[in-house]
Protein backbone atom coordinates (compact mmCIF):
# COMPACT_ATOMS: atom_id res chain seq x y z
CA UNK A 1 -18.27 34.29 -4.16
CA UNK A 2 -17.74 32.78 -7.58
CA UNK A 3 -13.84 33.36 -7.26
CA UNK A 4 -13.65 31.51 -3.96
CA UNK A 5 -15.74 28.64 -5.36
CA UNK A 6 -13.61 28.33 -8.53
CA UNK A 7 -10.50 28.47 -6.19
CA UNK A 8 -11.72 25.81 -4.29
CA UNK A 9 -12.65 23.64 -7.23
CA UNK A 10 -9.19 24.02 -8.67
CA UNK A 11 -7.48 23.11 -5.32
CA UNK A 12 -9.74 20.07 -5.33
CA UNK A 13 -8.74 19.21 -8.76
CA UNK A 14 -4.99 19.53 -7.96
CA UNK A 15 -5.34 17.32 -4.89
CA UNK A 16 -7.17 14.64 -7.03
CA UNK A 17 -4.53 14.88 -9.85
CA UNK A 18 -1.86 14.22 -7.08
CA UNK A 19 -3.55 11.27 -5.66
CA UNK A 20 -4.50 9.90 -9.27
CA UNK A 21 -0.69 10.11 -10.28
CA UNK A 22 0.27 8.02 -7.27
CA UNK A 23 -2.30 5.38 -8.37
CA UNK A 24 -4.73 5.83 -5.44
CA UNK A 25 -8.36 7.14 -5.96
CA UNK A 26 -8.95 10.76 -4.59
CA UNK A 27 -11.57 9.55 -2.29
CA UNK A 28 -9.50 6.89 -0.82
CA UNK A 29 -7.07 9.10 0.88
CA UNK A 30 -9.75 10.35 3.47
CA UNK A 31 -10.52 6.85 4.72
CA UNK A 32 -6.89 5.34 4.14
CA UNK A 33 -5.04 3.79 7.01
CA UNK A 34 -1.22 4.25 6.91
CA UNK A 35 1.52 2.28 8.47
CA UNK A 36 4.53 3.22 10.12
CA UNK A 37 7.78 3.22 7.78
CA UNK A 38 9.15 -0.09 6.50
CA UNK A 39 12.05 -1.54 8.55
CA UNK A 40 14.16 -4.31 7.52
CA UNK A 41 17.54 -5.17 5.97
CA UNK A 42 16.55 -4.42 2.43
CA UNK A 43 12.99 -2.90 2.51
CA UNK A 44 13.56 0.34 4.62
CA UNK A 45 11.91 3.02 2.48
CA UNK A 46 8.26 4.32 2.18
CA UNK A 47 5.24 3.03 3.80
CA UNK A 48 1.89 1.11 3.03
CA UNK A 49 -1.65 2.09 2.82
CA UNK A 50 -4.87 0.43 3.32
CA UNK A 51 -7.99 1.59 1.71
CA UNK A 52 -11.35 0.24 0.28
CA UNK A 53 -12.21 0.63 -3.42
CA UNK A 54 -15.21 -0.76 -5.09
CA UNK A 55 -15.81 -2.93 -1.94
CA UNK A 56 -12.29 -4.54 -2.01
CA UNK A 57 -9.55 -4.26 0.46
CA UNK A 58 -6.58 -2.62 -1.28
CA UNK A 59 -2.99 -2.15 -0.37
CA UNK A 60 -0.62 0.31 -1.78
CA UNK A 61 2.98 1.51 -1.07
CA UNK A 62 3.97 5.32 -0.94
CA UNK A 63 6.02 6.90 -3.82
CA UNK A 64 9.15 6.81 -1.84
CA UNK A 65 9.09 3.07 -1.49
CA UNK A 66 11.88 1.32 -3.17
CA UNK A 67 11.02 -2.17 -4.35
CA UNK A 68 14.35 -4.22 -3.12
CA UNK A 69 16.66 -5.35 -5.76
CA UNK A 70 16.12 -9.02 -4.92
CA UNK A 71 15.18 -12.02 -6.95
CA UNK A 72 11.55 -12.22 -6.01
CA UNK A 73 10.28 -9.38 -3.45
CA UNK A 74 6.71 -10.23 -2.72
CA UNK A 75 3.75 -8.69 -0.80
CA UNK A 76 2.90 -10.62 2.39
CA UNK A 77 0.43 -9.53 4.92
CA UNK A 78 0.10 -10.81 8.74
CA UNK A 79 -3.50 -10.47 10.27
CA UNK A 80 -4.44 -9.72 13.79
CA UNK A 81 -4.31 -13.48 14.55
CA UNK A 82 -0.71 -13.84 13.52
CA UNK A 83 -1.87 -15.77 10.14
CA UNK A 84 0.67 -15.02 7.41
CA UNK A 85 -0.38 -14.69 3.81
CA UNK A 86 1.95 -14.50 0.83
CA UNK A 87 0.37 -12.56 -1.99
CA UNK A 88 1.82 -11.24 -5.55
CA UNK A 89 5.37 -10.39 -6.35
CA UNK A 90 6.26 -6.63 -6.49
CA UNK A 91 8.15 -7.15 -9.80
CA UNK A 92 6.13 -8.56 -12.76
CA UNK A 93 6.43 -8.79 -16.45
CA UNK A 94 5.92 -5.34 -17.85
CA UNK A 95 6.09 -3.31 -14.58
CA UNK A 96 5.45 -3.73 -10.84
CA UNK A 97 2.72 -4.29 -8.48
CA UNK A 98 2.69 -1.06 -6.25
CA UNK A 99 -0.75 -1.74 -5.22
CA UNK A 100 -2.94 -4.96 -4.92
CA UNK A 101 -6.36 -5.99 -4.09
CA UNK A 102 -6.45 -8.19 -0.98
CA UNK A 103 -8.12 -11.70 -1.25
CA UNK A 104 -11.72 -11.85 0.37
CA UNK A 105 -10.48 -14.52 2.99
CA UNK A 106 -8.11 -11.91 4.41
CA UNK A 107 -10.31 -10.35 6.92
CA UNK A 108 -7.90 -7.71 8.56
CA UNK A 109 -4.20 -6.75 8.30
CA UNK A 110 -1.77 -5.82 11.18
CA UNK A 111 1.39 -5.73 9.24
CA UNK A 112 2.46 -5.51 5.50
CA UNK A 113 5.71 -7.25 4.82
CA UNK A 114 8.19 -7.62 1.97
CA UNK A 115 9.27 -11.30 1.70
CA UNK A 116 11.70 -12.69 -0.83
CA UNK A 117 9.98 -15.89 -2.28
CA UNK A 118 13.55 -16.87 -3.67
CA UNK A 119 15.68 -16.86 -0.62
CA UNK A 120 12.73 -17.28 1.76
CA UNK A 121 13.48 -14.28 4.11
CA UNK A 122 11.88 -11.39 5.52
CA UNK A 123 13.16 -7.96 3.81
CA UNK A 124 11.26 -5.65 5.96
CA UNK A 125 7.95 -4.83 7.46
CA UNK A 126 5.53 -2.15 8.19
CA UNK A 127 2.92 -2.11 10.88
CA UNK A 128 -0.60 -0.56 11.37
CA UNK A 129 -1.45 1.16 14.86
CA UNK A 130 -4.20 -1.61 14.93
CA UNK A 131 -5.35 -3.93 12.50
CA UNK A 132 -7.36 -2.67 9.51
CA UNK A 133 -10.57 -4.12 8.02
């Protein structure tokens, strides 16, 4: 029984490590909601994930998501009523914003978009099956 318990603990530890490396808490994957793949002229790899962390709504992009090589690619979300919210840029001084906390005034998210703030054009989007809260 001890061997089985220790094997389970090792597997759980490896799973937690894999999620920690991706920047997502280990517990978040169980309650996370995933979009379909990004589709668009410049943002067409990977997907997005919504989860709750310390009571805050969070969004993260998958490891295979490639931030478009454009002047100002930004996070943008669309809620279930069609309201559009322009958020942080993906590229920041000293790194990238591959995950963000949503402001409290955003009650749900139906789509995650990559918007070029410089050219004011949609680079790609990914949708949830139904709006997530």
